[in-house]
């Protein structure tokens, strides 16, 4: 599932490439991905509008339109926002669920193989209410080690589960929770409230570093994630633990353990390095 680095990469690409573009055609070949409005209302409200800004909130890609509406895309497992100027292969186009034709001849399409993601059109007030239910942004300047510690110390849940709770901290998923906890030397199953202030500082530093490094590498691709140009991200080769159960720990050489005991999600850790 695209997490913060992947959706940030897509949003930055689109902001550079389509800001100022006018939507002149709207196609919805698979309307089951739509939320908030149906296909007819979507066409009526966005046809002729101009894209004024593209940005990210949590794991969402948000397109601000000149009408004031916001097109909110949640890619989930197999979704991608792709800008097609004739370079995309037919497979990508075949899985398009929403197509936005731009005045310059390009097409912005939302491709979703399993159709588990969503495309929602929201008014500013509706988006404000929706976003208010999301947690803090981990890369926000106001979110420091003290703020992270405050979130952790009020929960009995596993620290990894708290990191992935979108109502508390927005944008972190399984990949980067695993990686940050390994870098900080913390056992993912530890009760969040038992994390000391010093450990919270280490975790905050690890989390910030891994997110920024992945953004710099344009995200992590295993199968379906692609940036707005259809290219894979490059961070997978730099993962220390995620997807590496049974392999040696990059830090101490101990065999990495894999488990699904925390919230049913794949967790990989080093029993020697992480306490």
C-alpha atoms as a PDB file:
ATOM      1  CA  UNK A   1       0.000   0.000   0.000  1.00  0.00           C
ATOM      2  CA  UNK A   2       1.404   3.428  -0.873  1.00  0.00           C
ATOM      3  CA  UNK A   3       2.406   5.162   2.346  1.00  0.00           C
ATOM      4  CA  UNK A   4       3.626   8.687   3.054  1.00  0.00           C
ATOM      5  CA  UNK A   5       6.769   8.622   0.835  1.00  0.00           C
ATOM      6  CA  UNK A   6       4.900   7.153  -2.132  1.00  0.00           C
ATOM      7  CA  UNK A   7       1.919   9.518  -1.992  1.00  0.00           C
ATOM      8  CA  UNK A   8       4.251  12.459  -1.357  1.00  0.00           C
ATOM      9  CA  UNK A   9       6.198  11.519  -4.483  1.00  0.00           C
ATOM     10  CA  UNK A  10       3.030  11.321  -6.581  1.00  0.00           C
ATOM     11  CA  UNK A  11       1.701  14.622  -5.227  1.00  0.00           C
ATOM     12  CA  UNK A  12       4.972  16.446  -5.912  1.00  0.00           C
ATOM     13  CA  UNK A  13       5.145  15.045  -9.446  1.00  0.00           C
ATOM     14  CA  UNK A  14       1.586  16.091 -10.216  1.00  0.00           C
ATOM     15  CA  UNK A  15       2.018  19.525  -8.671  1.00  0.00           C
ATOM     16  CA  UNK A  16       4.917  20.174 -11.044  1.00  0.00           C
ATOM     17  CA  UNK A  17       3.237  18.658 -14.086  1.00  0.00           C
ATOM     18  CA  UNK A  18      -0.477  19.481 -13.988  1.00  0.00           C
ATOM     19  CA  UNK A  19      -0.882  22.615 -11.872  1.00  0.00           C
ATOM     20  CA  UNK A  20      -2.656  25.118 -14.101  1.00  0.00           C
ATOM     21  CA  UNK A  21      -4.082  22.448 -16.409  1.00  0.00           C
ATOM     22  CA  UNK A  22      -7.786  22.532 -17.275  1.00  0.00           C
ATOM     23  CA  UNK A  23      -9.917  19.382 -17.171  1.00  0.00           C
ATOM     24  CA  UNK A  24     -11.847  19.098 -20.460  1.00  0.00           C
ATOM     25  CA  UNK A  25     -12.910  15.435 -20.419  1.00  0.00           C
ATOM     26  CA  UNK A  26     -14.011  13.116 -17.608  1.00  0.00           C
ATOM     27  CA  UNK A  27     -14.342   9.355 -18.051  1.00  0.00           C
ATOM     28  CA  UNK A  28     -15.345   6.920 -15.311  1.00  0.00           C
ATOM     29  CA  UNK A  29     -15.034   3.367 -16.681  1.00  0.00           C
ATOM     30  CA  UNK A  30     -15.154   1.828 -13.185  1.00  0.00           C
ATOM     31  CA  UNK A  31     -17.461   3.979 -10.999  1.00  0.00           C
ATOM     32  CA  UNK A  32     -17.244   1.644  -7.982  1.00  0.00           C
ATOM     33  CA  UNK A  33     -14.104   3.518  -6.869  1.00  0.00           C
ATOM     34  CA  UNK A  34     -16.048   6.766  -6.455  1.00  0.00           C
ATOM     35  CA  UNK A  35     -17.018   8.101  -3.044  1.00  0.00           C
ATOM     36  CA  UNK A  36     -19.077  11.132  -1.969  1.00  0.00           C
ATOM     37  CA  UNK A  37     -20.485  11.715  -5.488  1.00  0.00           C
ATOM     38  CA  UNK A  38     -21.440   9.535  -8.451  1.00  0.00           C
ATOM     39  CA  UNK A  39     -20.081   9.641 -11.981  1.00  0.00           C
ATOM     40  CA  UNK A  40     -22.636  12.148 -13.307  1.00  0.00           C
ATOM     41  CA  UNK A  41     -22.069  14.604 -10.451  1.00  0.00           C
ATOM     42  CA  UNK A  42     -18.297  14.171 -10.756  1.00  0.00           C
ATOM     43  CA  UNK A  43     -18.374  15.116 -14.445  1.00  0.00           C
ATOM     44  CA  UNK A  44     -20.669  18.068 -13.848  1.00  0.00           C
ATOM     45  CA  UNK A  45     -18.606  19.511 -10.994  1.00  0.00           C
ATOM     46  CA  UNK A  46     -15.082  19.122 -12.370  1.00  0.00           C
ATOM     47  CA  UNK A  47     -15.508  19.584 -16.127  1.00  0.00           C
ATOM     48  CA  UNK A  48     -13.872  22.869 -17.102  1.00  0.00           C
ATOM     49  CA  UNK A  49     -12.170  23.401 -13.762  1.00  0.00           C
ATOM     50  CA  UNK A  50      -8.474  24.107 -13.415  1.00  0.00           C
ATOM     51  CA  UNK A  51      -6.083  22.155 -11.186  1.00  0.00           C
ATOM     52  CA  UNK A  52      -4.557  24.750  -8.874  1.00  0.00           C
ATOM     53  CA  UNK A  53      -2.487  22.619  -6.477  1.00  0.00           C
ATOM     54  CA  UNK A  54      -1.608  18.973  -5.793  1.00  0.00           C
ATOM     55  CA  UNK A  55      -0.510  17.903  -2.335  1.00  0.00           C
ATOM     56  CA  UNK A  56      -0.541  15.089   0.198  1.00  0.00           C
ATOM     57  CA  UNK A  57      -2.378  14.526   3.473  1.00  0.00           C
ATOM     58  CA  UNK A  58      -1.654  11.244   5.274  1.00  0.00           C
ATOM     59  CA  UNK A  59      -1.809   8.562   2.537  1.00  0.00           C
ATOM     60  CA  UNK A  60      -4.034  10.700   0.322  1.00  0.00           C
ATOM     61  CA  UNK A  61      -3.240  12.638  -2.842  1.00  0.00           C
ATOM     62  CA  UNK A  62      -5.311  15.836  -2.949  1.00  0.00           C
ATOM     63  CA  UNK A  63      -6.017  17.907  -6.060  1.00  0.00           C
ATOM     64  CA  UNK A  64      -7.344  21.399  -5.351  1.00  0.00           C
ATOM     65  CA  UNK A  65      -9.624  22.612  -8.142  1.00  0.00           C
ATOM     66  CA  UNK A  66     -10.472  26.158  -9.198  1.00  0.00           C
ATOM     67  CA  UNK A  67     -14.105  25.529  -8.204  1.00  0.00           C
ATOM     68  CA  UNK A  68     -13.028  25.082  -4.583  1.00  0.00           C
ATOM     69  CA  UNK A  69     -13.727  21.348  -4.660  1.00  0.00           C
ATOM     70  CA  UNK A  70     -10.995  18.862  -3.813  1.00  0.00           C
ATOM     71  CA  UNK A  71     -10.421  15.571  -5.597  1.00  0.00           C
ATOM     72  CA  UNK A  72      -9.138  13.186  -2.941  1.00  0.00           C
ATOM     73  CA  UNK A  73      -7.466   9.950  -4.040  1.00  0.00           C
ATOM     74  CA  UNK A  74      -6.590   7.122  -1.673  1.00  0.00           C
ATOM     75  CA  UNK A  75      -4.558   4.600  -3.704  1.00  0.00           C
ATOM     76  CA  UNK A  76      -4.499   1.782  -1.149  1.00  0.00           C
ATOM     77  CA  UNK A  77      -2.998  -1.480  -2.431  1.00  0.00           C
ATOM     78  CA  UNK A  78      -2.912  -1.301  -6.217  1.00  0.00           C
ATOM     79  CA  UNK A  79      -3.894   2.266  -7.036  1.00  0.00           C
ATOM     80  CA  UNK A  80      -1.777   4.835  -8.863  1.00  0.00           C
ATOM     81  CA  UNK A  81      -2.300   8.309 -10.307  1.00  0.00           C
ATOM     82  CA  UNK A  82      -0.564   8.296 -13.676  1.00  0.00           C
ATOM     83  CA  UNK A  83       0.013  11.108 -16.137  1.00  0.00           C
ATOM     84  CA  UNK A  84      -0.317   9.732 -19.656  1.00  0.00           C
ATOM     85  CA  UNK A  85       1.271  11.657 -22.496  1.00  0.00           C
ATOM     86  CA  UNK A  86       1.335   8.605 -24.730  1.00  0.00           C
ATOM     87  CA  UNK A  87       4.087   6.720 -22.886  1.00  0.00           C
ATOM     88  CA  UNK A  88       2.005   4.357 -20.733  1.00  0.00           C
ATOM     89  CA  UNK A  89       1.595   0.751 -21.818  1.00  0.00           C
ATOM     90  CA  UNK A  90      -1.807  -0.731 -22.551  1.00  0.00           C
ATOM     91  CA  UNK A  91      -1.885  -2.684 -19.287  1.00  0.00           C
ATOM     92  CA  UNK A  92      -1.852   0.513 -17.255  1.00  0.00           C
ATOM     93  CA  UNK A  93      -4.594   2.046 -19.368  1.00  0.00           C
ATOM     94  CA  UNK A  94      -6.702  -1.115 -19.193  1.00  0.00           C
ATOM     95  CA  UNK A  95      -7.012  -0.787 -15.424  1.00  0.00           C
ATOM     96  CA  UNK A  96      -7.975   2.894 -15.491  1.00  0.00           C
ATOM     97  CA  UNK A  97     -11.000   3.591 -13.290  1.00  0.00           C
ATOM     98  CA  UNK A  98     -11.153   7.391 -13.729  1.00  0.00           C
ATOM     99  CA  UNK A  99      -9.733   9.398 -16.637  1.00  0.00           C
ATOM    100  CA  UNK A 100      -9.291  13.162 -16.672  1.00  0.00           C
ATOM    101  CA  UNK A 101      -8.526  14.589 -20.087  1.00  0.00           C
ATOM    102  CA  UNK A 102      -6.503  17.804 -19.912  1.00  0.00           C
ATOM    103  CA  UNK A 103      -6.656  20.706 -22.359  1.00  0.00           C
ATOM    104  CA  UNK A 104      -3.072  20.095 -23.525  1.00  0.00           C
ATOM    105  CA  UNK A 105      -3.909  16.563 -24.701  1.00  0.00           C
ATOM    106  CA  UNK A 106      -2.508  14.637 -21.762  1.00  0.00           C
ATOM    107  CA  UNK A 107      -4.624  12.354 -19.587  1.00  0.00           C
ATOM    108  CA  UNK A 108      -4.464  12.006 -15.816  1.00  0.00           C
ATOM    109  CA  UNK A 109      -5.775   8.572 -14.941  1.00  0.00           C
ATOM    110  CA  UNK A 110      -6.375   6.701 -11.738  1.00  0.00           C
ATOM    111  CA  UNK A 111      -5.327   3.090 -12.307  1.00  0.00           C
ATOM    112  CA  UNK A 112      -6.383   0.497  -9.740  1.00  0.00           C
ATOM    113  CA  UNK A 113      -6.005  -3.196 -10.537  1.00  0.00           C
ATOM    114  CA  UNK A 114      -7.993  -4.543  -7.569  1.00  0.00           C
ATOM    115  CA  UNK A 115     -10.138  -1.412  -7.192  1.00  0.00           C
ATOM    116  CA  UNK A 116      -9.611  -1.164  -3.439  1.00  0.00           C
ATOM    117  CA  UNK A 117      -8.662   2.507  -3.540  1.00  0.00           C
ATOM    118  CA  UNK A 118     -11.077   5.410  -3.760  1.00  0.00           C
ATOM    119  CA  UNK A 119     -11.617   8.697  -5.579  1.00  0.00           C
ATOM    120  CA  UNK A 120     -13.750  11.253  -3.729  1.00  0.00           C
ATOM    121  CA  UNK A 121     -14.858  14.757  -4.650  1.00  0.00           C
ATOM    122  CA  UNK A 122     -15.245  16.923  -1.558  1.00  0.00           C
ATOM    123  CA  UNK A 123     -16.215  20.502  -0.853  1.00  0.00           C
ATOM    124  CA  UNK A 124     -13.738  22.478   1.295  1.00  0.00           C
ATOM    125  CA  UNK A 125     -15.935  22.063   4.384  1.00  0.00           C
ATOM    126  CA  UNK A 126     -16.352  18.339   3.820  1.00  0.00           C
ATOM    127  CA  UNK A 127     -12.613  17.887   3.372  1.00  0.00           C
ATOM    128  CA  UNK A 128     -11.889  19.873   6.539  1.00  0.00           C
ATOM    129  CA  UNK A 129     -14.144  17.553   8.530  1.00  0.00           C
ATOM    130  CA  UNK A 130     -12.641  14.482   6.878  1.00  0.00           C
ATOM    131  CA  UNK A 131      -9.042  15.546   7.469  1.00  0.00           C
ATOM    132  CA  UNK A 132      -9.769  16.485  11.079  1.00  0.00           C
ATOM    133  CA  UNK A 133     -10.146  12.784  11.885  1.00  0.00           C
ATOM    134  CA  UNK A 134      -6.579  12.110  10.734  1.00  0.00           C
ATOM    135  CA  UNK A 135      -3.580  12.281  13.031  1.00  0.00           C
ATOM    136  CA  UNK A 136      -0.581  14.569  12.995  1.00  0.00           C
ATOM    137  CA  UNK A 137       1.864  14.606  10.098  1.00  0.00           C
ATOM    138  CA  UNK A 138       5.138  12.937  11.164  1.00  0.00           C
ATOM    139  CA  UNK A 139       7.260  15.303   9.055  1.00  0.00           C
ATOM    140  CA  UNK A 140       5.551  18.446  10.299  1.00  0.00           C
ATOM    141  CA  UNK A 141       7.933  20.818  12.067  1.00  0.00           C
ATOM    142  CA  UNK A 142       5.594  20.952  15.055  1.00  0.00           C
ATOM    143  CA  UNK A 143       5.825  17.183  15.536  1.00  0.00           C
ATOM    144  CA  UNK A 144       8.915  16.522  17.623  1.00  0.00           C
ATOM    145  CA  UNK A 145      10.113  13.791  20.004  1.00  0.00           C
ATOM    146  CA  UNK A 146       8.019  15.234  22.827  1.00  0.00           C
ATOM    147  CA  UNK A 147       4.836  15.054  20.765  1.00  0.00           C
ATOM    148  CA  UNK A 148       5.616  11.476  19.761  1.00  0.00           C
ATOM    149  CA  UNK A 149       6.306  10.538  23.381  1.00  0.00           C
ATOM    150  CA  UNK A 150       2.987  12.046  24.453  1.00  0.00           C
ATOM    151  CA  UNK A 151       1.126   9.929  21.889  1.00  0.00           C
ATOM    152  CA  UNK A 152       2.906   6.749  22.928  1.00  0.00           C
ATOM    153  CA  UNK A 153       2.653   7.044  26.678  1.00  0.00           C
ATOM    154  CA  UNK A 154      -1.161   7.064  26.759  1.00  0.00           C
ATOM    155  CA  UNK A 155      -1.554   3.755  24.918  1.00  0.00           C
ATOM    156  CA  UNK A 156      -1.296   0.155  26.114  1.00  0.00           C
ATOM    157  CA  UNK A 157      -1.127  -1.077  22.508  1.00  0.00           C
ATOM    158  CA  UNK A 158       2.009  -2.301  20.775  1.00  0.00           C
ATOM    159  CA  UNK A 159       4.222   0.590  19.722  1.00  0.00           C
ATOM    160  CA  UNK A 160       4.097  -0.542  16.094  1.00  0.00           C
ATOM    161  CA  UNK A 161       0.292  -0.489  16.089  1.00  0.00           C
ATOM    162  CA  UNK A 162       0.264   3.050  17.512  1.00  0.00           C
ATOM    163  CA  UNK A 163       2.669   4.240  14.814  1.00  0.00           C
ATOM    164  CA  UNK A 164       0.306   2.886  12.147  1.00  0.00           C
ATOM    165  CA  UNK A 165      -2.886   4.291  13.686  1.00  0.00           C
ATOM    166  CA  UNK A 166      -3.919   6.978  11.184  1.00  0.00           C
ATOM    167  CA  UNK A 167      -6.019   8.729  13.839  1.00  0.00           C
ATOM    168  CA  UNK A 168      -2.847   9.418  15.823  1.00  0.00           C
ATOM    169  CA  UNK A 169      -0.023   9.720  13.299  1.00  0.00           C
ATOM    170  CA  UNK A 170      -0.907  10.042   9.620  1.00  0.00           C
ATOM    171  CA  UNK A 171       0.876   8.400   6.721  1.00  0.00           C
ATOM    172  CA  UNK A 172       2.891   5.638   8.370  1.00  0.00           C
ATOM    173  CA  UNK A 173       2.155   2.098   7.227  1.00  0.00           C
ATOM    174  CA  UNK A 174       3.701  -1.307   7.661  1.00  0.00           C
ATOM    175  CA  UNK A 175       6.871  -0.752   5.673  1.00  0.00           C
ATOM    176  CA  UNK A 176       8.122   2.326   7.478  1.00  0.00           C
ATOM    177  CA  UNK A 177       6.910   1.278  10.933  1.00  0.00           C
ATOM    178  CA  UNK A 178       9.050  -1.849  10.616  1.00  0.00           C
ATOM    179  CA  UNK A 179      12.041   0.096   9.361  1.00  0.00           C
ATOM    180  CA  UNK A 180      11.863   2.904  11.932  1.00  0.00           C
ATOM    181  CA  UNK A 181      11.516   0.507  14.875  1.00  0.00           C
ATOM    182  CA  UNK A 182      14.524  -1.488  13.678  1.00  0.00           C
ATOM    183  CA  UNK A 183      16.607   1.654  13.305  1.00  0.00           C
ATOM    184  CA  UNK A 184      15.594   2.791  16.801  1.00  0.00           C
ATOM    185  CA  UNK A 185      16.283  -0.640  18.325  1.00  0.00           C
ATOM    186  CA  UNK A 186      12.730  -1.018  19.650  1.00  0.00           C
ATOM    187  CA  UNK A 187      10.752  -4.248  19.813  1.00  0.00           C
ATOM    188  CA  UNK A 188       7.551  -3.604  17.773  1.00  0.00           C
ATOM    189  CA  UNK A 189       5.469  -5.549  20.312  1.00  0.00           C
ATOM    190  CA  UNK A 190       6.430  -3.414  23.306  1.00  0.00           C
ATOM    191  CA  UNK A 191       3.616  -1.502  24.957  1.00  0.00           C
ATOM    192  CA  UNK A 192       3.742   2.050  23.653  1.00  0.00           C
ATOM    193  CA  UNK A 193       3.387   3.520  27.129  1.00  0.00           C
ATOM    194  CA  UNK A 194       6.617   1.760  28.163  1.00  0.00           C
ATOM    195  CA  UNK A 195       8.731   3.646  25.626  1.00  0.00           C
ATOM    196  CA  UNK A 196      10.975   6.052  27.511  1.00  0.00           C
ATOM    197  CA  UNK A 197      11.550   9.672  26.535  1.00  0.00           C
ATOM    198  CA  UNK A 198      15.042   8.770  25.322  1.00  0.00           C
ATOM    199  CA  UNK A 199      13.675   5.906  23.221  1.00  0.00           C
ATOM    200  CA  UNK A 200      10.996   8.200  21.804  1.00  0.00           C
ATOM    201  CA  UNK A 201      13.736  10.596  20.691  1.00  0.00           C
ATOM    202  CA  UNK A 202      15.540   7.759  18.937  1.00  0.00           C
ATOM    203  CA  UNK A 203      12.316   6.566  17.326  1.00  0.00           C
ATOM    204  CA  UNK A 204      11.417  10.063  16.148  1.00  0.00           C
ATOM    205  CA  UNK A 205      14.852  10.470  14.567  1.00  0.00           C
ATOM    206  CA  UNK A 206      14.602   7.037  12.914  1.00  0.00           C
ATOM    207  CA  UNK A 207      11.103   7.679  11.621  1.00  0.00           C
ATOM    208  CA  UNK A 208      11.996  11.079  10.190  1.00  0.00           C
ATOM    209  CA  UNK A 209      15.143   9.730   8.556  1.00  0.00           C
ATOM    210  CA  UNK A 210      13.538   6.713   6.897  1.00  0.00           C
ATOM    211  CA  UNK A 211      10.611   8.733   5.534  1.00  0.00           C
ATOM    212  CA  UNK A 212      12.870  11.426   4.081  1.00  0.00           C
ATOM    213  CA  UNK A 213      15.272   8.864   2.614  1.00  0.00           C
ATOM    214  CA  UNK A 214      12.412   7.036   0.938  1.00  0.00           C
ATOM    215  CA  UNK A 215      10.985  10.262  -0.477  1.00  0.00           C
ATOM    216  CA  UNK A 216      14.439  11.002  -1.877  1.00  0.00           C
ATOM    217  CA  UNK A 217      14.433   7.523  -3.490  1.00  0.00           C
ATOM    218  CA  UNK A 218      10.889   8.141  -4.810  1.00  0.00           C
ATOM    219  CA  UNK A 219       9.268   5.499  -2.615  1.00  0.00           C
ATOM    220  CA  UNK A 220       9.257   1.729  -2.313  1.00  0.00           C
ATOM    221  CA  UNK A 221       8.025  -0.485  -5.156  1.00  0.00           C
ATOM    222  CA  UNK A 222       7.449  -4.202  -4.922  1.00  0.00           C
ATOM    223  CA  UNK A 223       4.712  -4.769  -7.503  1.00  0.00           C
ATOM    224  CA  UNK A 224       2.091  -2.111  -8.129  1.00  0.00           C
ATOM    225  CA  UNK A 225       3.317   1.237  -6.806  1.00  0.00           C
ATOM    226  CA  UNK A 226       4.365   3.651  -9.553  1.00  0.00           C
ATOM    227  CA  UNK A 227       5.049   7.378  -9.489  1.00  0.00           C
ATOM    228  CA  UNK A 228       3.027   9.779 -11.631  1.00  0.00           C
ATOM    229  CA  UNK A 229       5.186   8.961 -14.683  1.00  0.00           C
ATOM    230  CA  UNK A 230       4.749   5.202 -14.303  1.00  0.00           C
ATOM    231  CA  UNK A 231       8.205   4.566 -12.836  1.00  0.00           C
ATOM    232  CA  UNK A 232       9.028   2.348  -9.861  1.00  0.00           C
ATOM    233  CA  UNK A 233      10.458   3.739  -6.626  1.00  0.00           C
ATOM    234  CA  UNK A 234      14.018   2.917  -5.617  1.00  0.00           C
ATOM    235  CA  UNK A 235      13.897   2.446  -1.843  1.00  0.00           C
ATOM    236  CA  UNK A 236      13.204  -1.319  -1.777  1.00  0.00           C
ATOM    237  CA  UNK A 237      16.891  -2.151  -2.121  1.00  0.00           C
ATOM    238  CA  UNK A 238      17.627  -0.075   0.999  1.00  0.00           C
ATOM    239  CA  UNK A 239      15.103  -1.783   3.293  1.00  0.00           C
ATOM    240  CA  UNK A 240      16.798  -3.261   6.356  1.00  0.00           C
ATOM    241  CA  UNK A 241      14.044  -5.557   7.656  1.00  0.00           C
ATOM    242  CA  UNK A 242      10.731  -5.303   5.820  1.00  0.00           C
ATOM    243  CA  UNK A 243      10.293  -8.339   3.570  1.00  0.00           C
ATOM    244  CA  UNK A 244      13.599  -9.835   4.806  1.00  0.00           C
ATOM    245  CA  UNK A 245      12.443 -12.395   7.407  1.00  0.00           C
ATOM    246  CA  UNK A 246      14.957 -15.228   7.665  1.00  0.00           C
ATOM    247  CA  UNK A 247      17.818 -13.128   6.334  1.00  0.00           C
ATOM    248  CA  UNK A 248      20.663 -11.752   8.483  1.00  0.00           C
ATOM    249  CA  UNK A 249      20.181  -8.502  10.383  1.00  0.00           C
ATOM    250  CA  UNK A 250      22.223  -5.780   8.640  1.00  0.00           C
ATOM    251  CA  UNK A 251      23.409  -4.556  12.042  1.00  0.00           C
ATOM    252  CA  UNK A 252      24.386  -7.710  13.964  1.00  0.00           C
ATOM    253  CA  UNK A 253      23.938 -10.644  11.609  1.00  0.00           C
ATOM    254  CA  UNK A 254      21.255 -12.389  13.674  1.00  0.00           C
ATOM    255  CA  UNK A 255      18.558 -14.084  11.624  1.00  0.00           C
ATOM    256  CA  UNK A 256      15.566 -11.752  11.299  1.00  0.00           C
ATOM    257  CA  UNK A 257      12.297 -13.054  12.703  1.00  0.00           C
ATOM    258  CA  UNK A 258       8.920 -12.689  11.028  1.00  0.00           C
ATOM    259  CA  UNK A 259       5.534 -12.691  12.735  1.00  0.00           C
ATOM    260  CA  UNK A 260       1.905 -11.689  12.193  1.00  0.00           C
ATOM    261  CA  UNK A 261       1.144 -11.417  15.905  1.00  0.00           C
ATOM    262  CA  UNK A 262       0.763  -7.604  15.889  1.00  0.00           C
ATOM    263  CA  UNK A 263      -2.603  -6.708  14.404  1.00  0.00           C
ATOM    264  CA  UNK A 264      -2.284  -9.469  11.807  1.00  0.00           C
ATOM    265  CA  UNK A 265       0.284  -7.502   9.810  1.00  0.00           C
ATOM    266  CA  UNK A 266       3.702  -8.746   8.729  1.00  0.00           C
ATOM    267  CA  UNK A 267       6.310  -7.698  11.277  1.00  0.00           C
ATOM    268  CA  UNK A 268      10.030  -8.345  10.833  1.00  0.00           C
ATOM    269  CA  UNK A 269      12.499  -7.683  13.626  1.00  0.00           C
ATOM    270  CA  UNK A 270      15.869  -8.594  15.072  1.00  0.00           C
ATOM    271  CA  UNK A 271      15.419 -10.274  18.450  1.00  0.00           C
ATOM    272  CA  UNK A 272      18.955  -9.302  19.408  1.00  0.00           C
ATOM    273  CA  UNK A 273      18.958  -5.646  18.333  1.00  0.00           C
ATOM    274  CA  UNK A 274      15.420  -4.660  19.243  1.00  0.00           C
ATOM    275  CA  UNK A 275      14.329  -4.558  22.889  1.00  0.00           C
END
